[in-house]
Full PDB file with SEQRES, HELIX, SHEET, SSBOND, CRYST1, ORIGX, SCALE, CONECT and MASTER records, all heavy atoms in Angstrom:
SEQRES   1 A   34  LYS ASN ILE GLU LYS VAL HIS GLN PHE THR SER GLU ILE          
SEQRES   2 A   34  ILE ALA GLU HIS GLN GLU THR LEU ASP PRO THR CYS PRO          
SEQRES   3 A   34  ARG ASP PHE ILE ASP ALA PHE LEU                              
HELIX    1 AA1 ASN A    2  THR A   20  1                                  19    
HELIX    2 AA2 PHE A   29  PHE A   33  1                                   5    
CRYST1    1.000    1.000    1.000  90.00  90.00  90.00 P 1           1          
ORIGX1      1.000000  0.000000  0.000000        0.00000                         
ORIGX2      0.000000  1.000000  0.000000        0.00000                         
ORIGX3      0.000000  0.000000  1.000000        0.00000                         
SCALE1      1.000000  0.000000  0.000000        0.00000                         
SCALE2      0.000000  1.000000  0.000000        0.00000                         
SCALE3      0.000000  0.000000  1.000000        0.00000                         
ATOM      1  N   LYS A   1      -9.293  12.571  16.544  1.00  0.00           N  
ATOM      2  CA  LYS A   1      -9.013  11.935  17.847  1.00  0.00           C  
ATOM      3  C   LYS A   1     -10.150  11.005  18.256  1.00  0.00           C  
ATOM      4  O   LYS A   1      -9.912   9.922  18.798  1.00  0.00           O  
ATOM      5  CB  LYS A   1      -8.784  13.005  18.914  1.00  0.00           C  
ATOM      6  CG  LYS A   1      -7.452  13.692  18.789  1.00  0.00           C  
ATOM      7  CD  LYS A   1      -7.253  14.728  19.866  1.00  0.00           C  
ATOM      8  CE  LYS A   1      -5.911  15.399  19.653  1.00  0.00           C  
ATOM      9  NZ  LYS A   1      -5.848  16.747  20.158  1.00  0.00           N  
ATOM     10  N   ASN A   2     -11.378  11.425  18.004  1.00  0.00           N  
ATOM     11  CA  ASN A   2     -12.536  10.582  18.343  1.00  0.00           C  
ATOM     12  C   ASN A   2     -12.522   9.287  17.543  1.00  0.00           C  
ATOM     13  O   ASN A   2     -12.782   8.213  18.087  1.00  0.00           O  
ATOM     14  CB  ASN A   2     -13.845  11.333  18.084  1.00  0.00           C  
ATOM     15  CG  ASN A   2     -14.100  12.424  19.092  1.00  0.00           C  
ATOM     16  OD1 ASN A   2     -13.393  12.545  20.086  1.00  0.00           O  
ATOM     17  ND2 ASN A   2     -15.105  13.232  18.828  1.00  0.00           N  
ATOM     18  N   ILE A   3     -12.230   9.386  16.257  1.00  0.00           N  
ATOM     19  CA  ILE A   3     -12.178   8.192  15.408  1.00  0.00           C  
ATOM     20  C   ILE A   3     -11.068   7.263  15.896  1.00  0.00           C  
ATOM     21  O   ILE A   3     -11.230   6.041  15.914  1.00  0.00           O  
ATOM     22  CB  ILE A   3     -12.008   8.566  13.923  1.00  0.00           C  
ATOM     23  CG1 ILE A   3     -13.297   9.202  13.408  1.00  0.00           C  
ATOM     24  CG2 ILE A   3     -11.634   7.348  13.079  1.00  0.00           C  
ATOM     25  CD1 ILE A   3     -13.214   9.774  12.013  1.00  0.00           C  
ATOM     26  N   GLU A   4      -9.962   7.837  16.330  1.00  0.00           N  
ATOM     27  CA  GLU A   4      -8.862   7.031  16.850  1.00  0.00           C  
ATOM     28  C   GLU A   4      -9.283   6.284  18.120  1.00  0.00           C  
ATOM     29  O   GLU A   4      -8.936   5.126  18.324  1.00  0.00           O  
ATOM     30  CB  GLU A   4      -7.636   7.909  17.120  1.00  0.00           C  
ATOM     31  CG  GLU A   4      -6.389   7.145  17.479  1.00  0.00           C  
ATOM     32  CD  GLU A   4      -6.021   6.044  16.490  1.00  0.00           C  
ATOM     33  OE1 GLU A   4      -6.073   6.259  15.268  1.00  0.00           O  
ATOM     34  OE2 GLU A   4      -5.680   4.927  16.959  1.00  0.00           O  
ATOM     35  N   LYS A   5     -10.075   6.936  18.971  1.00  0.00           N  
ATOM     36  CA  LYS A   5     -10.571   6.284  20.196  1.00  0.00           C  
ATOM     37  C   LYS A   5     -11.520   5.136  19.857  1.00  0.00           C  
ATOM     38  O   LYS A   5     -11.455   4.070  20.471  1.00  0.00           O  
ATOM     39  CB  LYS A   5     -11.284   7.298  21.101  1.00  0.00           C  
ATOM     40  CG  LYS A   5     -10.345   8.266  21.776  1.00  0.00           C  
ATOM     41  CD  LYS A   5     -11.131   9.290  22.590  1.00  0.00           C  
ATOM     42  CE  LYS A   5     -10.213  10.357  23.142  1.00  0.00           C  
ATOM     43  NZ  LYS A   5     -10.967  11.431  23.804  1.00  0.00           N  
ATOM     44  N   VAL A   6     -12.387   5.338  18.871  1.00  0.00           N  
ATOM     45  CA  VAL A   6     -13.297   4.270  18.446  1.00  0.00           C  
ATOM     46  C   VAL A   6     -12.487   3.133  17.823  1.00  0.00           C  
ATOM     47  O   VAL A   6     -12.764   1.957  18.056  1.00  0.00           O  
ATOM     48  CB  VAL A   6     -14.377   4.798  17.467  1.00  0.00           C  
ATOM     49  CG1 VAL A   6     -15.262   3.670  16.972  1.00  0.00           C  
ATOM     50  CG2 VAL A   6     -15.226   5.879  18.129  1.00  0.00           C  
ATOM     51  N   HIS A   7     -11.462   3.487  17.047  1.00  0.00           N  
ATOM     52  CA  HIS A   7     -10.575   2.487  16.445  1.00  0.00           C  
ATOM     53  C   HIS A   7      -9.888   1.663  17.538  1.00  0.00           C  
ATOM     54  O   HIS A   7      -9.773   0.435  17.422  1.00  0.00           O  
ATOM     55  CB  HIS A   7      -9.542   3.172  15.551  1.00  0.00           C  
ATOM     56  CG  HIS A   7      -8.535   2.249  14.960  1.00  0.00           C  
ATOM     57  ND1 HIS A   7      -8.854   1.319  14.005  1.00  0.00           N  
ATOM     58  CD2 HIS A   7      -7.206   2.101  15.201  1.00  0.00           C  
ATOM     59  CE1 HIS A   7      -7.763   0.645  13.672  1.00  0.00           C  
ATOM     60  NE2 HIS A   7      -6.762   1.096  14.401  1.00  0.00           N  
ATOM     61  N   GLN A   8      -9.451   2.325  18.591  1.00  0.00           N  
ATOM     62  CA  GLN A   8      -8.811   1.634  19.721  1.00  0.00           C  
ATOM     63  C   GLN A   8      -9.781   0.644  20.361  1.00  0.00           C  
ATOM     64  O   GLN A   8      -9.438  -0.491  20.666  1.00  0.00           O  
ATOM     65  CB  GLN A   8      -8.342   2.665  20.762  1.00  0.00           C  
ATOM     66  CG  GLN A   8      -7.704   2.070  21.993  1.00  0.00           C  
ATOM     67  CD  GLN A   8      -6.354   1.453  21.710  1.00  0.00           C  
ATOM     68  OE1 GLN A   8      -5.614   1.946  20.869  1.00  0.00           O  
ATOM     69  NE2 GLN A   8      -6.034   0.375  22.381  1.00  0.00           N  
ATOM     70  N   PHE A   9     -11.028   1.075  20.526  1.00  0.00           N  
ATOM     71  CA  PHE A   9     -12.080   0.234  21.092  1.00  0.00           C  
ATOM     72  C   PHE A   9     -12.279  -1.025  20.245  1.00  0.00           C  
ATOM     73  O   PHE A   9     -12.295  -2.136  20.763  1.00  0.00           O  
ATOM     74  CB  PHE A   9     -13.377   1.052  21.171  1.00  0.00           C  
ATOM     75  CG  PHE A   9     -14.576   0.287  21.647  1.00  0.00           C  
ATOM     76  CD1 PHE A   9     -14.805   0.106  22.998  1.00  0.00           C  
ATOM     77  CD2 PHE A   9     -15.481  -0.233  20.740  1.00  0.00           C  
ATOM     78  CE1 PHE A   9     -15.923  -0.588  23.440  1.00  0.00           C  
ATOM     79  CE2 PHE A   9     -16.598  -0.925  21.164  1.00  0.00           C  
ATOM     80  CZ  PHE A   9     -16.809  -1.111  22.526  1.00  0.00           C  
ATOM     81  N   THR A  10     -12.412  -0.846  18.932  1.00  0.00           N  
ATOM     82  CA  THR A  10     -12.624  -1.995  18.052  1.00  0.00           C  
ATOM     83  C   THR A  10     -11.382  -2.881  17.989  1.00  0.00           C  
ATOM     84  O   THR A  10     -11.496  -4.106  17.925  1.00  0.00           O  
ATOM     85  CB  THR A  10     -13.046  -1.566  16.628  1.00  0.00           C  
ATOM     86  OG1 THR A  10     -12.056  -0.720  16.075  1.00  0.00           O  
ATOM     87  CG2 THR A  10     -14.384  -0.865  16.638  1.00  0.00           C  
ATOM     88  N   SER A  11     -10.192  -2.279  18.026  1.00  0.00           N  
ATOM     89  CA  SER A  11      -8.947  -3.058  17.987  1.00  0.00           C  
ATOM     90  C   SER A  11      -8.825  -3.970  19.204  1.00  0.00           C  
ATOM     91  O   SER A  11      -8.359  -5.104  19.092  1.00  0.00           O  
ATOM     92  CB  SER A  11      -7.731  -2.133  17.911  1.00  0.00           C  
ATOM     93  OG  SER A  11      -7.718  -1.452  16.692  1.00  0.00           O  
ATOM     94  N   GLU A  12      -9.240  -3.468  20.375  1.00  0.00           N  
ATOM     95  CA  GLU A  12      -9.199  -4.286  21.591  1.00  0.00           C  
ATOM     96  C   GLU A  12     -10.128  -5.486  21.459  1.00  0.00           C  
ATOM     97  O   GLU A  12      -9.775  -6.602  21.846  1.00  0.00           O  
ATOM     98  CB  GLU A  12      -9.588  -3.449  22.808  1.00  0.00           C  
ATOM     99  CG  GLU A  12      -8.539  -2.444  23.220  1.00  0.00           C  
ATOM    100  CD  GLU A  12      -9.033  -1.473  24.288  1.00  0.00           C  
ATOM    101  OE1 GLU A  12     -10.126  -1.694  24.874  1.00  0.00           O  
ATOM    102  OE2 GLU A  12      -8.320  -0.489  24.545  1.00  0.00           O  
ATOM    103  N   ILE A  13     -11.312  -5.261  20.900  1.00  0.00           N  
ATOM    104  CA  ILE A  13     -12.268  -6.353  20.727  1.00  0.00           C  
ATOM    105  C   ILE A  13     -11.743  -7.370  19.714  1.00  0.00           C  
ATOM    106  O   ILE A  13     -11.862  -8.579  19.912  1.00  0.00           O  
ATOM    107  CB  ILE A  13     -13.656  -5.806  20.335  1.00  0.00           C  
ATOM    108  CG1 ILE A  13     -14.239  -5.035  21.516  1.00  0.00           C  
ATOM    109  CG2 ILE A  13     -14.586  -6.932  19.900  1.00  0.00           C  
ATOM    110  CD1 ILE A  13     -15.544  -4.332  21.231  1.00  0.00           C  
ATOM    111  N   ILE A  14     -11.114  -6.897  18.637  1.00  0.00           N  
ATOM    112  CA  ILE A  14     -10.538  -7.798  17.636  1.00  0.00           C  
ATOM    113  C   ILE A  14      -9.436  -8.646  18.278  1.00  0.00           C  
ATOM    114  O   ILE A  14      -9.367  -9.862  18.061  1.00  0.00           O  
ATOM    115  CB  ILE A  14     -10.004  -7.006  16.420  1.00  0.00           C  
ATOM    116  CG1 ILE A  14     -11.175  -6.441  15.621  1.00  0.00           C  
ATOM    117  CG2 ILE A  14      -9.117  -7.888  15.541  1.00  0.00           C  
ATOM    118  CD1 ILE A  14     -10.780  -5.430  14.557  1.00  0.00           C  
ATOM    119  N   ALA A  15      -8.591  -8.026  19.102  1.00  0.00           N  
ATOM    120  CA  ALA A  15      -7.513  -8.761  19.773  1.00  0.00           C  
ATOM    121  C   ALA A  15      -8.085  -9.838  20.696  1.00  0.00           C  
ATOM    122  O   ALA A  15      -7.576 -10.975  20.727  1.00  0.00           O  
ATOM    123  CB  ALA A  15      -6.625  -7.803  20.557  1.00  0.00           C  
ATOM    124  N   GLU A  16      -9.150  -9.511  21.428  1.00  0.00           N  
ATOM    125  CA  GLU A  16      -9.814 -10.497  22.298  1.00  0.00           C  
ATOM    126  C   GLU A  16     -10.345 -11.666  21.469  1.00  0.00           C  
ATOM    127  O   GLU A  16     -10.220 -12.825  21.860  1.00  0.00           O  
ATOM    128  CB  GLU A  16     -10.972  -9.856  23.065  1.00  0.00           C  
ATOM    129  CG  GLU A  16     -10.555  -8.921  24.169  1.00  0.00           C  
ATOM    130  CD  GLU A  16     -11.751  -8.163  24.759  1.00  0.00           C  
ATOM    131  OE1 GLU A  16     -12.912  -8.593  24.581  1.00  0.00           O  
ATOM    132  OE2 GLU A  16     -11.513  -7.122  25.395  1.00  0.00           O  
ATOM    133  N   HIS A  17     -10.944 -11.330  20.320  1.00  0.00           N  
ATOM    134  CA  HIS A  17     -11.486 -12.376  19.443  1.00  0.00           C  
ATOM    135  C   HIS A  17     -10.387 -13.282  18.902  1.00  0.00           C  
ATOM    136  O   HIS A  17     -10.590 -14.485  18.764  1.00  0.00           O  
ATOM    137  CB  HIS A  17     -12.266 -11.747  18.284  1.00  0.00           C  
ATOM    138  CG  HIS A  17     -13.684 -11.432  18.599  1.00  0.00           C  
ATOM    139  ND1 HIS A  17     -14.055 -10.505  19.546  1.00  0.00           N  
ATOM    140  CD2 HIS A  17     -14.831 -11.923  18.093  1.00  0.00           C  
ATOM    141  CE1 HIS A  17     -15.371 -10.446  19.596  1.00  0.00           C  
ATOM    142  NE2 HIS A  17     -15.869 -11.302  18.727  1.00  0.00           N  
ATOM    143  N   GLN A  18      -9.233 -12.700  18.577  1.00  0.00           N  
ATOM    144  CA  GLN A  18      -8.126 -13.505  18.067  1.00  0.00           C  
ATOM    145  C   GLN A  18      -7.656 -14.505  19.120  1.00  0.00           C  
ATOM    146  O   GLN A  18      -7.291 -15.627  18.789  1.00  0.00           O  
ATOM    147  CB  GLN A  18      -6.965 -12.606  17.635  1.00  0.00           C  
ATOM    148  CG  GLN A  18      -7.240 -11.876  16.333  1.00  0.00           C  
ATOM    149  CD  GLN A  18      -6.149 -10.887  15.976  1.00  0.00           C  
ATOM    150  OE1 GLN A  18      -5.739 -10.067  16.797  1.00  0.00           O  
ATOM    151  NE2 GLN A  18      -5.688 -10.954  14.741  1.00  0.00           N  
ATOM    152  N   GLU A  19      -7.679 -14.104  20.390  1.00  0.00           N  
ATOM    153  CA  GLU A  19      -7.237 -14.979  21.475  1.00  0.00           C  
ATOM    154  C   GLU A  19      -8.232 -16.096  21.759  1.00  0.00           C  
ATOM    155  O   GLU A  19      -7.846 -17.189  22.157  1.00  0.00           O  
ATOM    156  CB  GLU A  19      -7.006 -14.169  22.750  1.00  0.00           C  
ATOM    157  CG  GLU A  19      -5.837 -13.217  22.668  1.00  0.00           C  
ATOM    158  CD  GLU A  19      -5.755 -12.271  23.867  1.00  0.00           C  
ATOM    159  OE1 GLU A  19      -6.463 -12.520  24.881  1.00  0.00           O  
ATOM    160  OE2 GLU A  19      -5.011 -11.294  23.788  1.00  0.00           O  
ATOM    161  N   THR A  20      -9.520 -15.823  21.561  1.00  0.00           N  
ATOM    162  CA  THR A  20     -10.563 -16.782  21.955  1.00  0.00           C  
ATOM    163  C   THR A  20     -11.256 -17.436  20.764  1.00  0.00           C  
ATOM    164  O   THR A  20     -12.288 -18.074  20.931  1.00  0.00           O  
ATOM    165  CB  THR A  20     -11.625 -16.081  22.825  1.00  0.00           C  
ATOM    166  OG1 THR A  20     -12.220 -15.010  22.076  1.00  0.00           O  
ATOM    167  CG2 THR A  20     -11.032 -15.528  24.106  1.00  0.00           C  
ATOM    168  N   LEU A  21     -10.686 -17.284  19.583  1.00  0.00           N  
ATOM    169  CA  LEU A  21     -11.315 -17.789  18.358  1.00  0.00           C  
ATOM    170  C   LEU A  21     -11.437 -19.310  18.356  1.00  0.00           C  
ATOM    171  O   LEU A  21     -10.476 -20.018  18.633  1.00  0.00           O  
ATOM    172  CB  LEU A  21     -10.517 -17.330  17.129  1.00  0.00           C  
ATOM    173  CG  LEU A  21     -11.028 -17.811  15.773  1.00  0.00           C  
ATOM    174  CD1 LEU A  21     -12.385 -17.174  15.463  1.00  0.00           C  
ATOM    175  CD2 LEU A  21     -10.020 -17.462  14.679  1.00  0.00           C  
ATOM    176  N   ASP A  22     -12.646 -19.776  18.037  1.00  0.00           N  
ATOM    177  CA  ASP A  22     -12.891 -21.196  17.768  1.00  0.00           C  
ATOM    178  C   ASP A  22     -13.359 -21.264  16.311  1.00  0.00           C  
ATOM    179  O   ASP A  22     -14.511 -20.943  16.015  1.00  0.00           O  
ATOM    180  CB  ASP A  22     -13.965 -21.753  18.708  1.00  0.00           C  
ATOM    181  CG  ASP A  22     -14.308 -23.199  18.407  1.00  0.00           C  
ATOM    182  OD1 ASP A  22     -13.684 -23.804  17.499  1.00  0.00           O  
ATOM    183  OD2 ASP A  22     -15.220 -23.733  19.068  1.00  0.00           O  
ATOM    184  N   PRO A  23     -12.465 -21.670  15.391  1.00  0.00           N  
ATOM    185  CA  PRO A  23     -12.804 -21.663  13.962  1.00  0.00           C  
ATOM    186  C   PRO A  23     -14.051 -22.468  13.602  1.00  0.00           C  
ATOM    187  O   PRO A  23     -14.704 -22.196  12.612  1.00  0.00           O  
ATOM    188  CB  PRO A  23     -11.573 -22.262  13.291  1.00  0.00           C  
ATOM    189  CG  PRO A  23     -10.473 -22.141  14.279  1.00  0.00           C  
ATOM    190  CD  PRO A  23     -11.115 -22.161  15.637  1.00  0.00           C  
ATOM    191  N   THR A  24     -14.403 -23.449  14.426  1.00  0.00           N  
ATOM    192  CA  THR A  24     -15.566 -24.284  14.127  1.00  0.00           C  
ATOM    193  C   THR A  24     -16.881 -23.653  14.574  1.00  0.00           C  
ATOM    194  O   THR A  24     -17.947 -24.136  14.214  1.00  0.00           O  
ATOM    195  CB  THR A  24     -15.431 -25.667  14.798  1.00  0.00           C  
ATOM    196  OG1 THR A  24     -15.387 -25.481  16.222  1.00  0.00           O  
ATOM    197  CG2 THR A  24     -14.186 -26.392  14.319  1.00  0.00           C  
ATOM    198  N   CYS A  25     -16.794 -22.565  15.361  1.00  0.00           N  
ATOM    199  CA  CYS A  25     -18.017 -21.958  15.896  1.00  0.00           C  
ATOM    200  C   CYS A  25     -17.894 -20.428  15.904  1.00  0.00           C  
ATOM    201  O   CYS A  25     -17.685 -19.817  16.958  1.00  0.00           O  
ATOM    202  CB  CYS A  25     -18.267 -22.490  17.307  1.00  0.00           C  
ATOM    203  SG  CYS A  25     -19.824 -21.945  18.002  1.00  0.00           S  
ATOM    204  N   PRO A  26     -18.009 -19.787  14.720  1.00  0.00           N  
ATOM    205  CA  PRO A  26     -17.902 -18.317  14.687  1.00  0.00           C  
ATOM    206  C   PRO A  26     -19.058 -17.660  15.433  1.00  0.00           C  
ATOM    207  O   PRO A  26     -20.208 -18.047  15.285  1.00  0.00           O  
ATOM    208  CB  PRO A  26     -17.935 -17.982  13.195  1.00  0.00           C  
ATOM    209  CG  PRO A  26     -18.457 -19.190  12.521  1.00  0.00           C  
ATOM    210  CD  PRO A  26     -18.239 -20.364  13.414  1.00  0.00           C  
ATOM    211  N   ARG A  27     -18.714 -16.677  16.255  1.00  0.00           N  
ATOM    212  CA  ARG A  27     -19.701 -16.000  17.089  1.00  0.00           C  
ATOM    213  C   ARG A  27     -20.309 -14.776  16.417  1.00  0.00           C  
ATOM    214  O   ARG A  27     -21.389 -14.334  16.783  1.00  0.00           O  
ATOM    215  CB  ARG A  27     -19.039 -15.538  18.400  1.00  0.00           C  
ATOM    216  CG  ARG A  27     -18.443 -16.650  19.223  1.00  0.00           C  
ATOM    217  CD  ARG A  27     -17.520 -16.100  20.271  1.00  0.00           C  
ATOM    218  NE  ARG A  27     -16.275 -15.667  19.605  1.00  0.00           N  
ATOM    219  CZ  ARG A  27     -15.146 -15.399  20.239  1.00  0.00           C  
ATOM    220  NH1 ARG A  27     -15.082 -15.468  21.544  1.00  0.00           N  
ATOM    221  NH2 ARG A  27     -14.060 -15.044  19.564  1.00  0.00           N  
ATOM    222  N   ASP A  28     -19.572 -14.199  15.453  1.00  0.00           N  
ATOM    223  CA  ASP A  28     -19.982 -12.912  14.904  1.00  0.00           C  
ATOM    224  C   ASP A  28     -19.191 -12.596  13.636  1.00  0.00           C  
ATOM    225  O   ASP A  28     -18.451 -13.437  13.124  1.00  0.00           O  
ATOM    226  CB  ASP A  28     -19.750 -11.819  15.952  1.00  0.00           C  
ATOM    227  CG  ASP A  28     -18.342 -11.861  16.534  1.00  0.00           C  
ATOM    228  OD1 ASP A  28     -17.399 -12.215  15.806  1.00  0.00           O  
ATOM    229  OD2 ASP A  28     -18.176 -11.548  17.719  1.00  0.00           O  
ATOM    230  N   PHE A  29     -19.342 -11.374  13.157  1.00  0.00           N  
ATOM    231  CA  PHE A  29     -18.656 -10.911  11.950  1.00  0.00           C  
ATOM    232  C   PHE A  29     -17.139 -11.012  12.095  1.00  0.00           C  
ATOM    233  O   PHE A  29     -16.444 -11.454  11.173  1.00  0.00           O  
ATOM    234  CB  PHE A  29     -19.073  -9.466  11.644  1.00  0.00           C  
ATOM    235  CG  PHE A  29     -18.299  -8.837  10.529  1.00  0.00           C  
ATOM    236  CD1 PHE A  29     -18.603  -9.128   9.210  1.00  0.00           C  
ATOM    237  CD2 PHE A  29     -17.254  -7.959  10.790  1.00  0.00           C  
ATOM    238  CE1 PHE A  29     -17.885  -8.558   8.163  1.00  0.00           C  
ATOM    239  CE2 PHE A  29     -16.534  -7.384   9.752  1.00  0.00           C  
ATOM    240  CZ  PHE A  29     -16.843  -7.678   8.441  1.00  0.00           C  
ATOM    241  N   ILE A  30     -16.623 -10.602  13.243  1.00  0.00           N  
ATOM    242  CA  ILE A  30     -15.170 -10.603  13.451  1.00  0.00           C  
ATOM    243  C   ILE A  30     -14.624 -12.030  13.336  1.00  0.00           C  
ATOM    244  O   ILE A  30     -13.615 -12.259  12.662  1.00  0.00           O  
ATOM    245  CB  ILE A  30     -14.788  -9.960  14.802  1.00  0.00           C  
ATOM    246  CG1 ILE A  30     -15.115  -8.468  14.772  1.00  0.00           C  
ATOM    247  CG2 ILE A  30     -13.315 -10.177  15.123  1.00  0.00           C  
ATOM    248  CD1 ILE A  30     -14.929  -7.745  16.096  1.00  0.00           C  
ATOM    249  N   ASP A  31     -15.288 -12.988  13.975  1.00  0.00           N  
ATOM    250  CA  ASP A  31     -14.834 -14.381  13.885  1.00  0.00           C  
ATOM    251  C   ASP A  31     -14.883 -14.901  12.449  1.00  0.00           C  
ATOM    252  O   ASP A  31     -13.960 -15.588  11.999  1.00  0.00           O  
ATOM    253  CB  ASP A  31     -15.688 -15.286  14.779  1.00  0.00           C  
ATOM    254  CG  ASP A  31     -15.295 -15.204  16.241  1.00  0.00           C  
ATOM    255  OD1 ASP A  31     -14.329 -14.491  16.569  1.00  0.00           O  
ATOM    256  OD2 ASP A  31     -15.959 -15.870  17.057  1.00  0.00           O  
ATOM    257  N   ALA A  32     -15.947 -14.566  11.736  1.00  0.00           N  
ATOM    258  CA  ALA A  32     -16.068 -14.996  10.335  1.00  0.00           C  
ATOM    259  C   ALA A  32     -14.926 -14.403   9.503  1.00  0.00           C  
ATOM    260  O   ALA A  32     -14.332 -15.087   8.663  1.00  0.00           O  
ATOM    261  CB  ALA A  32     -17.421 -14.581   9.765  1.00  0.00           C  
ATOM    262  N   PHE A  33     -14.600 -13.149   9.740  1.00  0.00           N  
ATOM    263  CA  PHE A  33     -13.516 -12.486   9.024  1.00  0.00           C  
ATOM    264  C   PHE A  33     -12.178 -13.136   9.379  1.00  0.00           C  
ATOM    265  O   PHE A  33     -11.347 -13.387   8.497  1.00  0.00           O  
ATOM    266  CB  PHE A  33     -13.496 -10.993   9.371  1.00  0.00           C  
ATOM    267  CG  PHE A  33     -12.753 -10.141   8.392  1.00  0.00           C  
ATOM    268  CD1 PHE A  33     -13.432  -9.390   7.445  1.00  0.00           C  
ATOM    269  CD2 PHE A  33     -11.366 -10.063   8.408  1.00  0.00           C  
ATOM    270  CE1 PHE A  33     -12.745  -8.584   6.540  1.00  0.00           C  
ATOM    271  CE2 PHE A  33     -10.672  -9.271   7.505  1.00  0.00           C  
ATOM    272  CZ  PHE A  33     -11.366  -8.531   6.573  1.00  0.00           C  
ATOM    273  N   LEU A  34     -11.963 -13.416  10.671  1.00  0.00           N  
ATOM    274  CA  LEU A  34     -10.717 -14.065  11.098  1.00  0.00           C  
ATOM    275  C   LEU A  34     -10.576 -15.450  10.469  1.00  0.00           C  
ATOM    276  O   LEU A  34      -9.470 -15.839  10.061  1.00  0.00           O  
ATOM    277  CB  LEU A  34     -10.663 -14.161  12.632  1.00  0.00           C  
ATOM    278  CG  LEU A  34     -10.480 -12.835  13.383  1.00  0.00           C  
ATOM    279  CD1 LEU A  34     -10.660 -13.044  14.879  1.00  0.00           C  
ATOM    280  CD2 LEU A  34      -9.135 -12.203  13.069  1.00  0.00           C  
TER     281      LEU A  34                                                      
MASTER        0    0    0    2    0    0    0    6  280    1    0    3          
END                                                                             
């Protein structure tokens, strides 16, 4: 259950990154991966 909560936390951040992604200016690991 704890791992699922951490997964939920990271999933929310990934979703935010997908919405605000600027391919020309990666901010972090998630943007580079996207």
